[in-house]
PDB file of N, CA and C in Angstrom:
ATOM      1  N   MET A   1      -7.758  -2.252 -15.231  1.00  0.00           N
ATOM      2  CA  MET A   1      -6.982  -1.205 -14.584  1.00  0.00           C
ATOM      3  C   MET A   1      -7.126   0.067 -15.407  1.00  0.00           C
ATOM      4  N   ASP A   2      -7.426   1.152 -14.729  1.00  0.00           N
ATOM      5  CA  ASP A   2      -7.638   2.418 -15.413  1.00  0.00           C
ATOM      6  C   ASP A   2      -6.337   3.138 -15.775  1.00  0.00           C
ATOM      7  N   VAL A   3      -5.266   2.815 -15.077  1.00  0.00           N
ATOM      8  CA  VAL A   3      -3.999   3.519 -15.272  1.00  0.00           C
ATOM      9  C   VAL A   3      -2.926   2.516 -15.689  1.00  0.00           C
ATOM     10  N   GLU A   4      -2.147   2.898 -16.653  1.00  0.00           N
ATOM     11  CA  GLU A   4      -1.058   2.052 -17.141  1.00  0.00           C
ATOM     12  C   GLU A   4       0.178   2.228 -16.252  1.00  0.00           C
ATOM     13  N   PRO A   5       1.018   1.198 -16.156  1.00  0.00           N
ATOM     14  CA  PRO A   5       2.258   1.330 -15.389  1.00  0.00           C
ATOM     15  C   PRO A   5       3.094   2.538 -15.818  1.00  0.00           C
ATOM     16  N   SER A   6       3.114   2.845 -17.113  1.00  0.00           N
ATOM     17  CA  SER A   6       3.920   3.982 -17.588  1.00  0.00           C
ATOM     18  C   SER A   6       3.425   5.307 -16.991  1.00  0.00           C
ATOM     19  N   GLN A   7       2.123   5.440 -16.790  1.00  0.00           N
ATOM     20  CA  GLN A   7       1.575   6.664 -16.186  1.00  0.00           C
ATOM     21  C   GLN A   7       1.960   6.757 -14.708  1.00  0.00           C
ATOM     22  N   ILE A   8       1.953   5.622 -14.029  1.00  0.00           N
ATOM     23  CA  ILE A   8       2.337   5.598 -12.613  1.00  0.00           C
ATOM     24  C   ILE A   8       3.815   5.941 -12.473  1.00  0.00           C
ATOM     25  N   ILE A   9       4.632   5.363 -13.333  1.00  0.00           N
ATOM     26  CA  ILE A   9       6.071   5.641 -13.302  1.00  0.00           C
ATOM     27  C   ILE A   9       6.333   7.116 -13.586  1.00  0.00           C
ATOM     28  N   GLN A  10       5.611   7.684 -14.536  1.00  0.00           N
ATOM     29  CA  GLN A  10       5.772   9.107 -14.845  1.00  0.00           C
ATOM     30  C   GLN A  10       5.421   9.964 -13.627  1.00  0.00           C
ATOM     31  N   SER A  11       4.352   9.615 -12.933  1.00  0.00           N
ATOM     32  CA  SER A  11       3.981  10.352 -11.715  1.00  0.00           C
ATOM     33  C   SER A  11       5.047  10.202 -10.640  1.00  0.00           C
ATOM     34  N   ALA A  12       5.589   8.986 -10.512  1.00  0.00           N
ATOM     35  CA  ALA A  12       6.611   8.736  -9.499  1.00  0.00           C
ATOM     36  C   ALA A  12       7.911   9.477  -9.805  1.00  0.00           C
ATOM     37  N   ARG A  13       8.207   9.682 -11.063  1.00  0.00           N
ATOM     38  CA  ARG A  13       9.437  10.381 -11.454  1.00  0.00           C
ATOM     39  C   ARG A  13       9.286  11.903 -11.464  1.00  0.00           C
ATOM     40  N   THR A  14       8.057  12.402 -11.351  1.00  0.00           N
ATOM     41  CA  THR A  14       7.818  13.840 -11.346  1.00  0.00           C
ATOM     42  C   THR A  14       8.380  14.452 -10.062  1.00  0.00           C
ATOM     43  N   ILE A  15       9.082  15.544 -10.200  1.00  0.00           N
ATOM     44  CA  ILE A  15       9.672  16.226  -9.051  1.00  0.00           C
ATOM     45  C   ILE A  15       8.550  16.842  -8.209  1.00  0.00           C
ATOM     46  N   PRO A  16       8.599  16.672  -6.889  1.00  0.00           N
ATOM     47  CA  PRO A  16       7.560  17.238  -6.031  1.00  0.00           C
ATOM     48  C   PRO A  16       7.496  18.761  -6.161  1.00  0.00           C
ATOM     49  N   PHE A  17       6.295  19.295  -6.117  1.00  0.00           N
ATOM     50  CA  PHE A  17       6.091  20.735  -6.217  1.00  0.00           C
ATOM     51  C   PHE A  17       5.776  21.266  -4.826  1.00  0.00           C
ATOM     52  N   MET A  18       6.588  22.194  -4.360  1.00  0.00           N
ATOM     53  CA  MET A  18       6.426  22.834  -3.051  1.00  0.00           C
ATOM     54  C   MET A  18       6.421  21.820  -1.903  1.00  0.00           C
ATOM     55  N   ALA A  19       7.143  20.738  -2.063  1.00  0.00           N
ATOM     56  CA  ALA A  19       7.265  19.722  -1.014  1.00  0.00           C
ATOM     57  C   ALA A  19       8.596  19.007  -1.181  1.00  0.00           C
ATOM     58  N   LYS A  20       9.042  18.395  -0.110  1.00  0.00           N
ATOM     59  CA  LYS A  20      10.294  17.656  -0.151  1.00  0.00           C
ATOM     60  C   LYS A  20      10.108  16.302  -0.831  1.00  0.00           C
ATOM     61  N   ASN A  21       8.931  15.696  -0.612  1.00  0.00           N
ATOM     62  CA  ASN A  21       8.669  14.364  -1.154  1.00  0.00           C
ATOM     63  C   ASN A  21       7.316  14.309  -1.844  1.00  0.00           C
ATOM     64  N   ARG A  22       7.148  13.253  -2.628  1.00  0.00           N
ATOM     65  CA  ARG A  22       5.895  12.989  -3.336  1.00  0.00           C
ATOM     66  C   ARG A  22       5.420  11.607  -2.899  1.00  0.00           C
ATOM     67  N   LEU A  23       4.106  11.487  -2.687  1.00  0.00           N
ATOM     68  CA  LEU A  23       3.491  10.218  -2.344  1.00  0.00           C
ATOM     69  C   LEU A  23       2.576   9.816  -3.496  1.00  0.00           C
ATOM     70  N   VAL A  24       2.848   8.649  -4.079  1.00  0.00           N
ATOM     71  CA  VAL A  24       2.022   8.119  -5.164  1.00  0.00           C
ATOM     72  C   VAL A  24       1.396   6.831  -4.647  1.00  0.00           C
ATOM     73  N   ILE A  25       0.063   6.806  -4.594  1.00  0.00           N
ATOM     74  CA  ILE A  25      -0.671   5.637  -4.108  1.00  0.00           C
ATOM     75  C   ILE A  25      -1.397   5.002  -5.283  1.00  0.00           C
ATOM     76  N   VAL A  26      -1.157   3.716  -5.481  1.00  0.00           N
ATOM     77  CA  VAL A  26      -1.789   2.967  -6.564  1.00  0.00           C
ATOM     78  C   VAL A  26      -2.819   2.032  -5.933  1.00  0.00           C
ATOM     79  N   LYS A  27      -4.092   2.351  -6.110  1.00  0.00           N
ATOM     80  CA  LYS A  27      -5.170   1.523  -5.567  1.00  0.00           C
ATOM     81  C   LYS A  27      -5.457   0.370  -6.512  1.00  0.00           C
ATOM     82  N   GLU A  28      -6.006  -0.694  -5.957  1.00  0.00           N
ATOM     83  CA  GLU A  28      -6.404  -1.881  -6.724  1.00  0.00           C
ATOM     84  C   GLU A  28      -5.243  -2.466  -7.529  1.00  0.00           C
ATOM     85  N   ALA A  29      -4.062  -2.466  -6.949  1.00  0.00           N
ATOM     86  CA  ALA A  29      -2.882  -2.978  -7.642  1.00  0.00           C
ATOM     87  C   ALA A  29      -2.958  -4.475  -7.884  1.00  0.00           C
ATOM     88  N   GLU A  30      -3.899  -5.155  -7.225  1.00  0.00           N
ATOM     89  CA  GLU A  30      -4.060  -6.588  -7.479  1.00  0.00           C
ATOM     90  C   GLU A  30      -4.548  -6.870  -8.897  1.00  0.00           C
ATOM     91  N   LYS A  31      -5.021  -5.842  -9.582  1.00  0.00           N
ATOM     92  CA  LYS A  31      -5.501  -6.012 -10.957  1.00  0.00           C
ATOM     93  C   LYS A  31      -4.367  -6.073 -11.982  1.00  0.00           C
ATOM     94  N   PHE A  32      -3.150  -5.725 -11.551  1.00  0.00           N
ATOM     95  CA  PHE A  32      -2.012  -5.822 -12.460  1.00  0.00           C
ATOM     96  C   PHE A  32      -1.671  -7.282 -12.700  1.00  0.00           C
ATOM     97  N   GLY A  33      -1.364  -7.615 -13.947  1.00  0.00           N
ATOM     98  CA  GLY A  33      -0.881  -8.944 -14.287  1.00  0.00           C
ATOM     99  C   GLY A  33       0.637  -8.975 -14.212  1.00  0.00           C
ATOM    100  N   SER A  34       1.214 -10.145 -14.386  1.00  0.00           N
ATOM    101  CA  SER A  34       2.672 -10.261 -14.279  1.00  0.00           C
ATOM    102  C   SER A  34       3.382  -9.406 -15.331  1.00  0.00           C
ATOM    103  N   SER A  35       2.797  -9.253 -16.520  1.00  0.00           N
ATOM    104  CA  SER A  35       3.439  -8.416 -17.548  1.00  0.00           C
ATOM    105  C   SER A  35       3.435  -6.945 -17.130  1.00  0.00           C
ATOM    106  N   ASP A  36       2.376  -6.513 -16.423  1.00  0.00           N
ATOM    107  CA  ASP A  36       2.330  -5.131 -15.929  1.00  0.00           C
ATOM    108  C   ASP A  36       3.410  -4.898 -14.878  1.00  0.00           C
ATOM    109  N   TRP A  37       3.569  -5.869 -13.957  1.00  0.00           N
ATOM    110  CA  TRP A  37       4.576  -5.712 -12.905  1.00  0.00           C
ATOM    111  C   TRP A  37       5.977  -5.629 -13.496  1.00  0.00           C
ATOM    112  N   LYS A  38       6.238  -6.363 -14.551  1.00  0.00           N
ATOM    113  CA  LYS A  38       7.570  -6.324 -15.175  1.00  0.00           C
ATOM    114  C   LYS A  38       7.878  -4.944 -15.755  1.00  0.00           C
ATOM    115  N   LYS A  39       6.843  -4.198 -16.139  1.00  0.00           N
ATOM    116  CA  LYS A  39       7.048  -2.850 -16.669  1.00  0.00           C
ATOM    117  C   LYS A  39       7.571  -1.889 -15.604  1.00  0.00           C
ATOM    118  N   PHE A  40       7.352  -2.235 -14.340  1.00  0.00           N
ATOM    119  CA  PHE A  40       7.843  -1.393 -13.246  1.00  0.00           C
ATOM    120  C   PHE A  40       9.318  -1.650 -12.926  1.00  0.00           C
ATOM    121  N   GLU A  41       9.884  -2.732 -13.430  1.00  0.00           N
ATOM    122  CA  GLU A  41      11.244  -3.128 -13.065  1.00  0.00           C
ATOM    123  C   GLU A  41      12.285  -2.023 -13.250  1.00  0.00           C
ATOM    124  N   PRO A  42      12.305  -1.297 -14.374  1.00  0.00           N
ATOM    125  CA  PRO A  42      13.304  -0.226 -14.500  1.00  0.00           C
ATOM    126  C   PRO A  42      13.156   0.840 -13.397  1.00  0.00           C
ATOM    127  N   TYR A  43      11.917   1.152 -13.045  1.00  0.00           N
ATOM    128  CA  TYR A  43      11.719   2.136 -11.972  1.00  0.00           C
ATOM    129  C   TYR A  43      12.172   1.562 -10.638  1.00  0.00           C
ATOM    130  N   PHE A  44      11.818   0.313 -10.360  1.00  0.00           N
ATOM    131  CA  PHE A  44      12.200  -0.313  -9.097  1.00  0.00           C
ATOM    132  C   PHE A  44      13.720  -0.372  -8.940  1.00  0.00           C
ATOM    133  N   LYS A  45      14.437  -0.572 -10.041  1.00  0.00           N
ATOM    134  CA  LYS A  45      15.902  -0.653  -9.976  1.00  0.00           C
ATOM    135  C   LYS A  45      16.544   0.715  -9.759  1.00  0.00           C
ATOM    136  N   SER A  46      15.849   1.766 -10.187  1.00  0.00           N
ATOM    137  CA  SER A  46      16.374   3.120 -10.031  1.00  0.00           C
ATOM    138  C   SER A  46      15.228   4.080  -9.676  1.00  0.00           C
ATOM    139  N   PRO A  47      14.708   3.967  -8.458  1.00  0.00           N
ATOM    140  CA  PRO A  47      13.550   4.784  -8.083  1.00  0.00           C
ATOM    141  C   PRO A  47      13.927   6.232  -7.791  1.00  0.00           C
ATOM    142  N   SER A  48      12.934   7.082  -7.844  1.00  0.00           N
ATOM    143  CA  SER A  48      13.122   8.477  -7.462  1.00  0.00           C
ATOM    144  C   SER A  48      13.354   8.536  -5.961  1.00  0.00           C
ATOM    145  N   THR A  49      14.354   9.284  -5.549  1.00  0.00           N
ATOM    146  CA  THR A  49      14.658   9.393  -4.118  1.00  0.00           C
ATOM    147  C   THR A  49      13.677  10.307  -3.386  1.00  0.00           C
ATOM    148  N   SER A  50      12.859  11.039  -4.138  1.00  0.00           N
ATOM    149  CA  SER A  50      11.912  11.956  -3.499  1.00  0.00           C
ATOM    150  C   SER A  50      10.481  11.430  -3.532  1.00  0.00           C
ATOM    151  N   THR A  51      10.292  10.182  -3.976  1.00  0.00           N
ATOM    152  CA  THR A  51       8.944   9.632  -4.113  1.00  0.00           C
ATOM    153  C   THR A  51       8.762   8.386  -3.262  1.00  0.00           C
ATOM    154  N   TYR A  52       7.619   8.321  -2.611  1.00  0.00           N
ATOM    155  CA  TYR A  52       7.175   7.111  -1.934  1.00  0.00           C
ATOM    156  C   TYR A  52       6.075   6.522  -2.804  1.00  0.00           C
ATOM    157  N   LEU A  53       6.326   5.352  -3.367  1.00  0.00           N
ATOM    158  CA  LEU A  53       5.374   4.687  -4.259  1.00  0.00           C
ATOM    159  C   LEU A  53       4.732   3.542  -3.485  1.00  0.00           C
ATOM    160  N   VAL A  54       3.415   3.628  -3.287  1.00  0.00           N
ATOM    161  CA  VAL A  54       2.685   2.662  -2.467  1.00  0.00           C
ATOM    162  C   VAL A  54       1.659   1.946  -3.336  1.00  0.00           C
ATOM    163  N   PHE A  55       1.684   0.612  -3.296  1.00  0.00           N
ATOM    164  CA  PHE A  55       0.699  -0.198  -4.002  1.00  0.00           C
ATOM    165  C   PHE A  55      -0.252  -0.790  -2.971  1.00  0.00           C
ATOM    166  N   LEU A  56      -1.544  -0.515  -3.123  1.00  0.00           N
ATOM    167  CA  LEU A  56      -2.546  -1.091  -2.237  1.00  0.00           C
ATOM    168  C   LEU A  56      -3.142  -2.311  -2.917  1.00  0.00           C
ATOM    169  N   ILE A  57      -3.049  -3.433  -2.235  1.00  0.00           N
ATOM    170  CA  ILE A  57      -3.579  -4.681  -2.768  1.00  0.00           C
ATOM    171  C   ILE A  57      -4.625  -5.172  -1.782  1.00  0.00           C
ATOM    172  N   GLU A  58      -5.869  -5.198  -2.236  1.00  0.00           N
ATOM    173  CA  GLU A  58      -7.000  -5.528  -1.367  1.00  0.00           C
ATOM    174  C   GLU A  58      -6.892  -6.929  -0.780  1.00  0.00           C
ATOM    175  N   LYS A  59      -6.648  -7.888  -1.605  1.00  0.00           N
ATOM    176  CA  LYS A  59      -6.564  -9.272  -1.148  1.00  0.00           C
ATOM    177  C   LYS A  59      -5.135  -9.750  -1.274  1.00  0.00           C
ATOM    178  N   ASN A  60      -4.816 -10.770  -0.521  1.00  0.00           N
ATOM    179  CA  ASN A  60      -3.464 -11.318  -0.615  1.00  0.00           C
ATOM    180  C   ASN A  60      -3.321 -11.985  -1.978  1.00  0.00           C
ATOM    181  N   ASN A  61      -2.888 -11.209  -2.941  1.00  0.00           N
ATOM    182  CA  ASN A  61      -2.820 -11.668  -4.328  1.00  0.00           C
ATOM    183  C   ASN A  61      -1.375 -11.688  -4.816  1.00  0.00           C
ATOM    184  N   LEU A  62      -0.463 -11.937  -3.908  1.00  0.00           N
ATOM    185  CA  LEU A  62       0.958 -11.907  -4.266  1.00  0.00           C
ATOM    186  C   LEU A  62       1.482 -13.311  -4.553  1.00  0.00           C
ATOM    187  N   LYS A  63       0.708 -14.076  -5.295  1.00  0.00           N
ATOM    188  CA  LYS A  63       1.105 -15.436  -5.639  1.00  0.00           C
ATOM    189  C   LYS A  63       2.292 -15.411  -6.593  1.00  0.00           C
ATOM    190  N   LYS A  64       3.080 -16.463  -6.534  1.00  0.00           N
ATOM    191  CA  LYS A  64       4.228 -16.568  -7.432  1.00  0.00           C
ATOM    192  C   LYS A  64       3.772 -16.504  -8.873  1.00  0.00           C
ATOM    193  N   GLY A  65       4.447 -15.717  -9.668  1.00  0.00           N
ATOM    194  CA  GLY A  65       4.138 -15.618 -11.081  1.00  0.00           C
ATOM    195  C   GLY A  65       3.005 -14.660 -11.386  1.00  0.00           C
ATOM    196  N   ASN A  66       2.223 -14.304 -10.376  1.00  0.00           N
ATOM    197  CA  ASN A  66       1.098 -13.406 -10.608  1.00  0.00           C
ATOM    198  C   ASN A  66       1.503 -11.949 -10.436  1.00  0.00           C
ATOM    199  N   THR A  67       2.474 -11.701  -9.594  1.00  0.00           N
ATOM    200  CA  THR A  67       2.973 -10.342  -9.382  1.00  0.00           C
ATOM    201  C   THR A  67       4.495 -10.368  -9.354  1.00  0.00           C
ATOM    202  N   TYR A  68       5.066  -9.200  -9.513  1.00  0.00           N
ATOM    203  CA  TYR A  68       6.519  -9.072  -9.460  1.00  0.00           C
ATOM    204  C   TYR A  68       6.979  -9.247  -8.022  1.00  0.00           C
ATOM    205  N   ASN A  69       8.178  -9.718  -7.798  1.00  0.00           N
ATOM    206  CA  ASN A  69       8.678  -9.905  -6.435  1.00  0.00           C
ATOM    207  C   ASN A  69       9.050  -8.555  -5.830  1.00  0.00           C
ATOM    208  N   LEU A  70       8.079  -7.938  -5.192  1.00  0.00           N
ATOM    209  CA  LEU A  70       8.273  -6.597  -4.636  1.00  0.00           C
ATOM    210  C   LEU A  70       9.261  -6.564  -3.482  1.00  0.00           C
ATOM    211  N   ASN A  71       9.460  -7.691  -2.813  1.00  0.00           N
ATOM    212  CA  ASN A  71      10.422  -7.731  -1.703  1.00  0.00           C
ATOM    213  C   ASN A  71      11.842  -7.413  -2.156  1.00  0.00           C
ATOM    214  N   ASN A  72      12.144  -7.613  -3.427  1.00  0.00           N
ATOM    215  CA  ASN A  72      13.479  -7.298  -3.935  1.00  0.00           C
ATOM    216  C   ASN A  72      13.732  -5.795  -3.989  1.00  0.00           C
ATOM    217  N   PHE A  73      12.671  -4.998  -4.032  1.00  0.00           N
ATOM    218  CA  PHE A  73      12.833  -3.564  -4.263  1.00  0.00           C
ATOM    219  C   PHE A  73      12.241  -2.681  -3.175  1.00  0.00           C
ATOM    220  N   GLY A  74      11.495  -3.237  -2.273  1.00  0.00           N
ATOM    221  CA  GLY A  74      10.853  -2.431  -1.237  1.00  0.00           C
ATOM    222  C   GLY A  74      10.398  -3.315  -0.106  1.00  0.00           C
ATOM    223  N   LYS A  75       9.321  -2.913   0.516  1.00  0.00           N
ATOM    224  CA  LYS A  75       8.784  -3.660   1.645  1.00  0.00           C
ATOM    225  C   LYS A  75       7.332  -3.987   1.378  1.00  0.00           C
ATOM    226  N   ILE A  76       6.937  -5.177   1.791  1.00  0.00           N
ATOM    227  CA  ILE A  76       5.534  -5.557   1.759  1.00  0.00           C
ATOM    228  C   ILE A  76       5.051  -5.546   3.205  1.00  0.00           C
ATOM    229  N   ILE A  77       4.026  -4.781   3.443  1.00  0.00           N
ATOM    230  CA  ILE A  77       3.448  -4.680   4.778  1.00  0.00           C
ATOM    231  C   ILE A  77       1.991  -5.090   4.677  1.00  0.00           C
ATOM    232  N   GLN A  78       1.617  -6.098   5.442  1.00  0.00           N
ATOM    233  CA  GLN A  78       0.238  -6.561   5.423  1.00  0.00           C
ATOM    234  C   GLN A  78      -0.496  -6.004   6.635  1.00  0.00           C
ATOM    235  N   PHE A  79      -1.707  -5.528   6.396  1.00  0.00           N
ATOM    236  CA  PHE A  79      -2.566  -5.034   7.452  1.00  0.00           C
ATOM    237  C   PHE A  79      -3.802  -5.916   7.494  1.00  0.00           C
ATOM    238  N   TYR A  80      -4.187  -6.309   8.682  1.00  0.00           N
ATOM    239  CA  TYR A  80      -5.343  -7.183   8.835  1.00  0.00           C
ATOM    240  C   TYR A  80      -6.445  -6.457   9.592  1.00  0.00           C
ATOM    241  N   SER A  81      -7.662  -6.676   9.161  1.00  0.00           N
ATOM    242  CA  SER A  81      -8.821  -6.167   9.898  1.00  0.00           C
ATOM    243  C   SER A  81      -9.074  -7.112  11.062  1.00  0.00           C
ATOM    244  N   PRO A  82      -9.526  -6.567  12.186  1.00  0.00           N
ATOM    245  CA  PRO A  82      -9.819  -7.466  13.309  1.00  0.00           C
ATOM    246  C   PRO A  82     -11.004  -8.373  12.974  1.00  0.00           C
ATOM    247  N   LYS A  83     -10.950  -9.585  13.478  1.00  0.00           N
ATOM    248  CA  LYS A  83     -12.057 -10.519  13.308  1.00  0.00           C
ATOM    249  C   LYS A  83     -13.201 -10.081  14.217  1.00  0.00           C
ATOM    250  N   ALA A  84     -14.387 -10.575  13.959  1.00  0.00           N
ATOM    251  CA  ALA A  84     -15.575 -10.167  14.712  1.00  0.00           C
ATOM    252  C   ALA A  84     -15.381 -10.360  16.216  1.00  0.00           C
ATOM    253  N   ASN A  85     -14.776 -11.478  16.628  1.00  0.00           N
ATOM    254  CA  ASN A  85     -14.591 -11.724  18.062  1.00  0.00           C
ATOM    255  C   ASN A  85     -13.461 -10.880  18.666  1.00  0.00           C
ATOM    256  N   GLU A  86     -12.663 -10.220  17.854  1.00  0.00           N
ATOM    257  CA  GLU A  86     -11.564  -9.375  18.338  1.00  0.00           C
ATOM    258  C   GLU A  86     -11.926  -7.891  18.332  1.00  0.00           C
ATOM    259  N   LEU A  87     -13.040  -7.552  17.720  1.00  0.00           N
ATOM    260  CA  LEU A  87     -13.387  -6.147  17.511  1.00  0.00           C
ATOM    261  C   LEU A  87     -13.534  -5.373  18.817  1.00  0.00           C
ATOM    262  N   GLY A  88     -14.196  -5.959  19.806  1.00  0.00           N
ATOM    263  CA  GLY A  88     -14.375  -5.290  21.098  1.00  0.00           C
ATOM    264  C   GLY A  88     -13.048  -4.964  21.760  1.00  0.00           C
ATOM    265  N   LEU A  89     -12.132  -5.924  21.761  1.00  0.00           N
ATOM    266  CA  LEU A  89     -10.800  -5.702  22.346  1.00  0.00           C
ATOM    267  C   LEU A  89     -10.031  -4.632  21.580  1.00  0.00           C
ATOM    268  N   TRP A  90     -10.189  -4.633  20.259  1.00  0.00           N
ATOM    269  CA  TRP A  90      -9.518  -3.659  19.402  1.00  0.00           C
ATOM    270  C   TRP A  90     -10.012  -2.252  19.718  1.00  0.00           C
ATOM    271  N   ILE A  91     -11.321  -2.094  19.832  1.00  0.00           N
ATOM    272  CA  ILE A  91     -11.900  -0.777  20.154  1.00  0.00           C
ATOM    273  C   ILE A  91     -11.433  -0.326  21.527  1.00  0.00           C
ATOM    274  N   LYS A  92     -11.468  -1.228  22.497  1.00  0.00           N
ATOM    275  CA  LYS A  92     -11.032  -0.905  23.866  1.00  0.00           C
ATOM    276  C   LYS A  92      -9.558  -0.501  23.880  1.00  0.00           C
ATOM    277  N   PHE A  93      -8.721  -1.205  23.123  1.00  0.00           N
ATOM    278  CA  PHE A  93      -7.292  -0.902  23.055  1.00  0.00           C
ATOM    279  C   PHE A  93      -7.065   0.533  22.558  1.00  0.00           C
ATOM    280  N   PHE A  94      -7.738   0.897  21.465  1.00  0.00           N
ATOM    281  CA  PHE A  94      -7.534   2.233  20.920  1.00  0.00           C
ATOM    282  C   PHE A  94      -8.152   3.321  21.781  1.00  0.00           C
ATOM    283  N   ALA A  95      -9.234   3.019  22.451  1.00  0.00           N
ATOM    284  CA  ALA A  95      -9.814   3.991  23.384  1.00  0.00           C
ATOM    285  C   ALA A  95      -8.813   4.266  24.507  1.00  0.00           C
ATOM    286  N   ASN A  96      -8.225   3.216  25.059  1.00  0.00           N
ATOM    287  CA  ASN A  96      -7.222   3.378  26.119  1.00  0.00           C
ATOM    288  C   ASN A  96      -5.982   4.097  25.609  1.00  0.00           C
ATOM    289  N   LYS A  97      -5.580   3.771  24.407  1.00  0.00           N
ATOM    290  CA  LYS A  97      -4.386   4.401  23.824  1.00  0.00           C
ATOM    291  C   LYS A  97      -4.545   5.921  23.746  1.00  0.00           C
ATOM    292  N   TYR A  98      -5.747   6.367  23.431  1.00  0.00           N
ATOM    293  CA  TYR A  98      -6.001   7.805  23.315  1.00  0.00           C
ATOM    294  C   TYR A  98      -6.663   8.371  24.565  1.00  0.00           C
ATOM    295  N   GLU A  99      -6.488   7.625  25.682  1.00  0.00           N
ATOM    296  CA  GLU A  99      -6.958   8.050  27.006  1.00  0.00           C
ATOM    297  C   GLU A  99      -8.440   8.417  27.000  1.00  0.00           C
ATOM    298  N   LYS A 100      -9.224   7.561  26.364  1.00  0.00           N
ATOM    299  CA  LYS A 100     -10.673   7.736  26.310  1.00  0.00           C
ATOM    300  C   LYS A 100     -11.317   6.528  26.986  1.00  0.00           C
ATOM    301  N   ASN A 101     -12.487   6.743  27.524  1.00  0.00           N
ATOM    302  CA  ASN A 101     -13.253   5.672  28.137  1.00  0.00           C
ATOM    303  C   ASN A 101     -14.432   5.331  27.230  1.00  0.00           C
ATOM    304  N   ILE A 102     -14.729   4.054  27.147  1.00  0.00           N
ATOM    305  CA  ILE A 102     -15.865   3.605  26.361  1.00  0.00           C
ATOM    306  C   ILE A 102     -16.516   2.447  27.093  1.00  0.00           C
ATOM    307  N   SER A 103     -17.810   2.488  27.186  1.00  0.00           N
ATOM    308  CA  SER A 103     -18.517   1.438  27.911  1.00  0.00           C
ATOM    309  C   SER A 103     -18.639   0.187  27.054  1.00  0.00           C
ATOM    310  N   SER A 104     -18.854  -0.938  27.728  1.00  0.00           N
ATOM    311  CA  SER A 104     -19.052  -2.198  26.995  1.00  0.00           C
ATOM    312  C   SER A 104     -20.283  -2.098  26.112  1.00  0.00           C
ATOM    313  N   GLN A 105     -21.301  -1.399  26.567  1.00  0.00           N
ATOM    314  CA  GLN A 105     -22.521  -1.251  25.779  1.00  0.00           C
ATOM    315  C   GLN A 105     -22.244  -0.458  24.508  1.00  0.00           C
ATOM    316  N   ALA A 106     -21.409   0.577  24.590  1.00  0.00           N
ATOM    317  CA  ALA A 106     -21.071   1.384  23.424  1.00  0.00           C
ATOM    318  C   ALA A 106     -20.221   0.585  22.421  1.00  0.00           C
ATOM    319  N   ILE A 107     -19.373  -0.264  22.952  1.00  0.00           N
ATOM    320  CA  ILE A 107     -18.537  -1.108  22.086  1.00  0.00           C
ATOM    321  C   ILE A 107     -19.437  -2.027  21.293  1.00  0.00           C
TER     322      ILE A 107
END
């Protein structure tokens, strides 16, 4: 991990400049070990009200003991990529949603 939890916490506690809120995105958060997650506990217990702190975890790596229990302090939202056999339906759904037409050949 290139960034220490203390640096992330410092960014999250920084007052937003010329904005109402601050968004801090932590990529590759699956690389944190359980000791790293425990360092976030003081921040999680008393977070900045003007910051949205988002951890991106590439793989479902939220095994017990491997990461801190984030459900106690926020929300875990999982996003799934469509499977190969679902991709055509997914493309068609979004084309319709945005009132666009797409041919089966283009899909």
